[in-house]
Amino acid sequence: MNAVEIEEAISSLAEQPFEAAEFPYAFLEAFGNKETTISVLNLATATSQMLKVASCSKTTSISLFVRKAR
């Protein structure tokens, strides 16, 4: 992409309503990143968030178990 195309894409992005969850992907797309790359990043982010939730759930379960044992 050349500078004019990037400027047009960023200007178009600025006119859209801001959605925090989607902004990073729209920003990457504006700079010419392939949709495949953005999909992989989106999947990696979702997987990471699922692992955090699972990790928090295990910690909560363990702490509840320890409290009951006392």
N, C-alpha and C. Protein backbone atom coordinates (compact mmCIF):
# COMPACT_ATOMS: atom_id res chain seq x y z
N MET A 1 0.85 -1.18 0.00
CA MET A 1 0.00 0.00 0.00
C MET A 1 0.89 1.24 0.00
N ASN A 2 0.41 2.24 -0.70
CA ASN A 2 1.15 3.50 -0.68
C ASN A 2 0.54 4.44 0.37
N ALA A 3 1.18 5.57 0.58
CA ALA A 3 0.75 6.50 1.63
C ALA A 3 -0.67 7.00 1.42
N VAL A 4 -1.05 7.24 0.18
CA VAL A 4 -2.40 7.75 -0.11
C VAL A 4 -3.45 6.69 0.26
N GLU A 5 -3.19 5.44 -0.09
CA GLU A 5 -4.14 4.37 0.23
C GLU A 5 -4.27 4.19 1.74
N ILE A 6 -3.16 4.29 2.45
CA ILE A 6 -3.19 4.17 3.91
C ILE A 6 -3.98 5.32 4.51
N GLU A 7 -3.73 6.53 4.02
CA GLU A 7 -4.45 7.70 4.53
C GLU A 7 -5.95 7.57 4.31
N GLU A 8 -6.33 7.08 3.14
CA GLU A 8 -7.76 6.89 2.84
C GLU A 8 -8.37 5.83 3.76
N ALA A 9 -7.65 4.76 3.99
CA ALA A 9 -8.16 3.70 4.86
C ALA A 9 -8.29 4.18 6.30
N ILE A 10 -7.31 4.94 6.79
CA ILE A 10 -7.36 5.48 8.16
C ILE A 10 -8.49 6.50 8.28
N SER A 11 -8.66 7.34 7.27
CA SER A 11 -9.76 8.32 7.30
C SER A 11 -11.11 7.62 7.34
N SER A 12 -11.24 6.56 6.56
CA SER A 12 -12.48 5.78 6.56
C SER A 12 -12.71 5.14 7.92
N LEU A 13 -11.65 4.63 8.52
CA LEU A 13 -11.74 4.03 9.85
C LEU A 13 -12.16 5.06 10.89
N ALA A 14 -11.63 6.26 10.79
CA ALA A 14 -11.95 7.33 11.75
C ALA A 14 -13.42 7.75 11.67
N GLU A 15 -14.03 7.57 10.52
CA GLU A 15 -15.44 7.96 10.36
C GLU A 15 -16.41 6.93 10.94
N GLN A 16 -15.94 5.73 11.18
CA GLN A 16 -16.80 4.67 11.69
C GLN A 16 -16.93 4.79 13.21
N PRO A 17 -18.05 4.29 13.76
CA PRO A 17 -18.21 4.28 15.22
C PRO A 17 -17.10 3.43 15.85
N PHE A 18 -16.58 3.90 16.98
CA PHE A 18 -15.48 3.20 17.64
C PHE A 18 -15.98 1.98 18.39
N GLU A 19 -15.41 0.82 18.09
CA GLU A 19 -15.69 -0.41 18.80
C GLU A 19 -14.35 -0.94 19.30
N ALA A 20 -14.13 -0.86 20.59
CA ALA A 20 -12.83 -1.19 21.18
C ALA A 20 -12.36 -2.59 20.83
N ALA A 21 -13.27 -3.55 20.82
CA ALA A 21 -12.88 -4.94 20.56
C ALA A 21 -12.46 -5.15 19.11
N GLU A 22 -13.03 -4.41 18.20
CA GLU A 22 -12.74 -4.61 16.77
C GLU A 22 -11.70 -3.65 16.22
N PHE A 23 -11.41 -2.57 16.94
CA PHE A 23 -10.50 -1.54 16.42
C PHE A 23 -9.13 -2.07 16.03
N PRO A 24 -8.46 -2.88 16.86
CA PRO A 24 -7.12 -3.33 16.46
C PRO A 24 -7.12 -4.07 15.11
N TYR A 25 -8.14 -4.84 14.86
CA TYR A 25 -8.21 -5.60 13.62
C TYR A 25 -8.53 -4.69 12.43
N ALA A 26 -9.40 -3.73 12.63
CA ALA A 26 -9.71 -2.76 11.57
C ALA A 26 -8.48 -1.91 11.26
N PHE A 27 -7.72 -1.56 12.30
CA PHE A 27 -6.50 -0.77 12.12
C PHE A 27 -5.47 -1.56 11.30
N LEU A 28 -5.29 -2.84 11.63
CA LEU A 28 -4.37 -3.69 10.88
C LEU A 28 -4.81 -3.83 9.43
N GLU A 29 -6.11 -3.96 9.23
CA GLU A 29 -6.64 -4.07 7.88
C GLU A 29 -6.39 -2.79 7.09
N ALA A 30 -6.50 -1.64 7.76
CA ALA A 30 -6.27 -0.36 7.10
C ALA A 30 -4.83 -0.23 6.60
N PHE A 31 -3.90 -0.92 7.23
CA PHE A 31 -2.51 -0.88 6.81
C PHE A 31 -2.16 -2.00 5.84
N GLY A 32 -3.18 -2.69 5.33
CA GLY A 32 -2.96 -3.66 4.28
C GLY A 32 -2.65 -5.06 4.73
N ASN A 33 -2.83 -5.37 6.01
CA ASN A 33 -2.62 -6.75 6.46
C ASN A 33 -3.70 -7.64 5.86
N LYS A 34 -3.31 -8.84 5.49
CA LYS A 34 -4.24 -9.77 4.88
C LYS A 34 -5.29 -10.23 5.88
N GLU A 35 -6.47 -10.53 5.37
CA GLU A 35 -7.56 -10.98 6.22
C GLU A 35 -7.20 -12.27 6.95
N THR A 36 -6.39 -13.11 6.31
CA THR A 36 -5.94 -14.35 6.94
C THR A 36 -5.13 -14.05 8.20
N THR A 37 -4.23 -13.09 8.10
CA THR A 37 -3.41 -12.70 9.24
C THR A 37 -4.27 -12.17 10.38
N ILE A 38 -5.24 -11.34 10.04
CA ILE A 38 -6.12 -10.76 11.05
C ILE A 38 -6.97 -11.85 11.69
N SER A 39 -7.44 -12.82 10.91
CA SER A 39 -8.23 -13.93 11.46
C SER A 39 -7.41 -14.75 12.45
N VAL A 40 -6.13 -15.00 12.11
CA VAL A 40 -5.26 -15.76 13.01
C VAL A 40 -5.06 -15.00 14.31
N LEU A 41 -4.83 -13.70 14.22
CA LEU A 41 -4.66 -12.89 15.43
C LEU A 41 -5.93 -12.87 16.26
N ASN A 42 -7.07 -12.77 15.61
CA ASN A 42 -8.35 -12.77 16.30
C ASN A 42 -8.57 -14.10 17.02
N LEU A 43 -8.25 -15.20 16.37
CA LEU A 43 -8.37 -16.51 16.98
C LEU A 43 -7.42 -16.66 18.16
N ALA A 44 -6.19 -16.17 18.00
CA ALA A 44 -5.21 -16.25 19.08
C ALA A 44 -5.67 -15.44 20.29
N THR A 45 -6.27 -14.28 20.05
CA THR A 45 -6.78 -13.45 21.14
C THR A 45 -7.92 -14.16 21.86
N ALA A 46 -8.82 -14.76 21.10
CA ALA A 46 -9.95 -15.48 21.71
C ALA A 46 -9.46 -16.65 22.53
N THR A 47 -8.48 -17.38 22.00
CA THR A 47 -7.92 -18.53 22.73
C THR A 47 -7.25 -18.07 24.01
N SER A 48 -6.51 -16.98 23.93
CA SER A 48 -5.84 -16.44 25.11
C SER A 48 -6.84 -16.04 26.18
N GLN A 49 -7.94 -15.42 25.77
CA GLN A 49 -8.97 -15.01 26.73
C GLN A 49 -9.64 -16.23 27.35
N MET A 50 -9.85 -17.27 26.56
CA MET A 50 -10.45 -18.49 27.10
C MET A 50 -9.52 -19.14 28.12
N LEU A 51 -8.22 -19.12 27.86
CA LEU A 51 -7.27 -19.69 28.80
C LEU A 51 -7.24 -18.90 30.10
N LYS A 52 -7.36 -17.58 30.01
CA LYS A 52 -7.39 -16.75 31.22
C LYS A 52 -8.62 -17.07 32.06
N VAL A 53 -9.77 -17.24 31.41
CA VAL A 53 -11.00 -17.56 32.11
C VAL A 53 -10.87 -18.94 32.77
N ALA A 54 -10.33 -19.89 32.03
CA ALA A 54 -10.15 -21.24 32.58
C ALA A 54 -9.19 -21.21 33.76
N SER A 55 -8.14 -20.42 33.64
CA SER A 55 -7.16 -20.30 34.71
C SER A 55 -7.81 -19.68 35.96
N CYS A 56 -8.61 -18.65 35.77
CA CYS A 56 -9.30 -18.01 36.90
C CYS A 56 -10.29 -18.98 37.53
N SER A 57 -10.96 -19.77 36.73
CA SER A 57 -11.92 -20.73 37.26
C SER A 57 -11.23 -21.78 38.11
N LYS A 58 -10.08 -22.27 37.66
CA LYS A 58 -9.35 -23.26 38.43
C LYS A 58 -8.87 -22.68 39.74
N THR A 59 -8.36 -21.45 39.70
CA THR A 59 -7.89 -20.79 40.92
C THR A 59 -9.02 -20.63 41.91
N THR A 60 -10.17 -20.22 41.43
CA THR A 60 -11.34 -20.05 42.29
C THR A 60 -11.74 -21.39 42.89
N SER A 61 -11.78 -22.44 42.07
CA SER A 61 -12.15 -23.76 42.57
C SER A 61 -11.18 -24.25 43.63
N ILE A 62 -9.89 -24.03 43.40
CA ILE A 62 -8.88 -24.46 44.36
C ILE A 62 -9.02 -23.69 45.66
N SER A 63 -9.21 -22.38 45.59
CA SER A 63 -9.33 -21.59 46.81
C SER A 63 -10.59 -21.96 47.58
N LEU A 64 -11.69 -22.27 46.88
CA LEU A 64 -12.91 -22.70 47.56
C LEU A 64 -12.69 -24.04 48.24
N PHE A 65 -11.98 -24.93 47.59
CA PHE A 65 -11.68 -26.25 48.15
C PHE A 65 -10.84 -26.10 49.42
N VAL A 66 -9.85 -25.22 49.37
CA VAL A 66 -8.97 -25.02 50.54
C VAL A 66 -9.78 -24.42 51.68
N ARG A 67 -10.67 -23.50 51.40
CA ARG A 67 -11.48 -22.87 52.46
C ARG A 67 -12.41 -23.91 53.10
N LYS A 68 -12.99 -24.80 52.31
CA LYS A 68 -13.87 -25.82 52.85
C LYS A 68 -13.10 -26.81 53.71
N ALA A 69 -11.87 -27.10 53.34
CA ALA A 69 -11.06 -28.07 54.06
C ALA A 69 -10.65 -27.56 55.44
N ARG A 70 -10.56 -26.29 55.60
CA ARG A 70 -10.16 -25.71 56.88
C ARG A 70 -11.27 -25.78 57.83
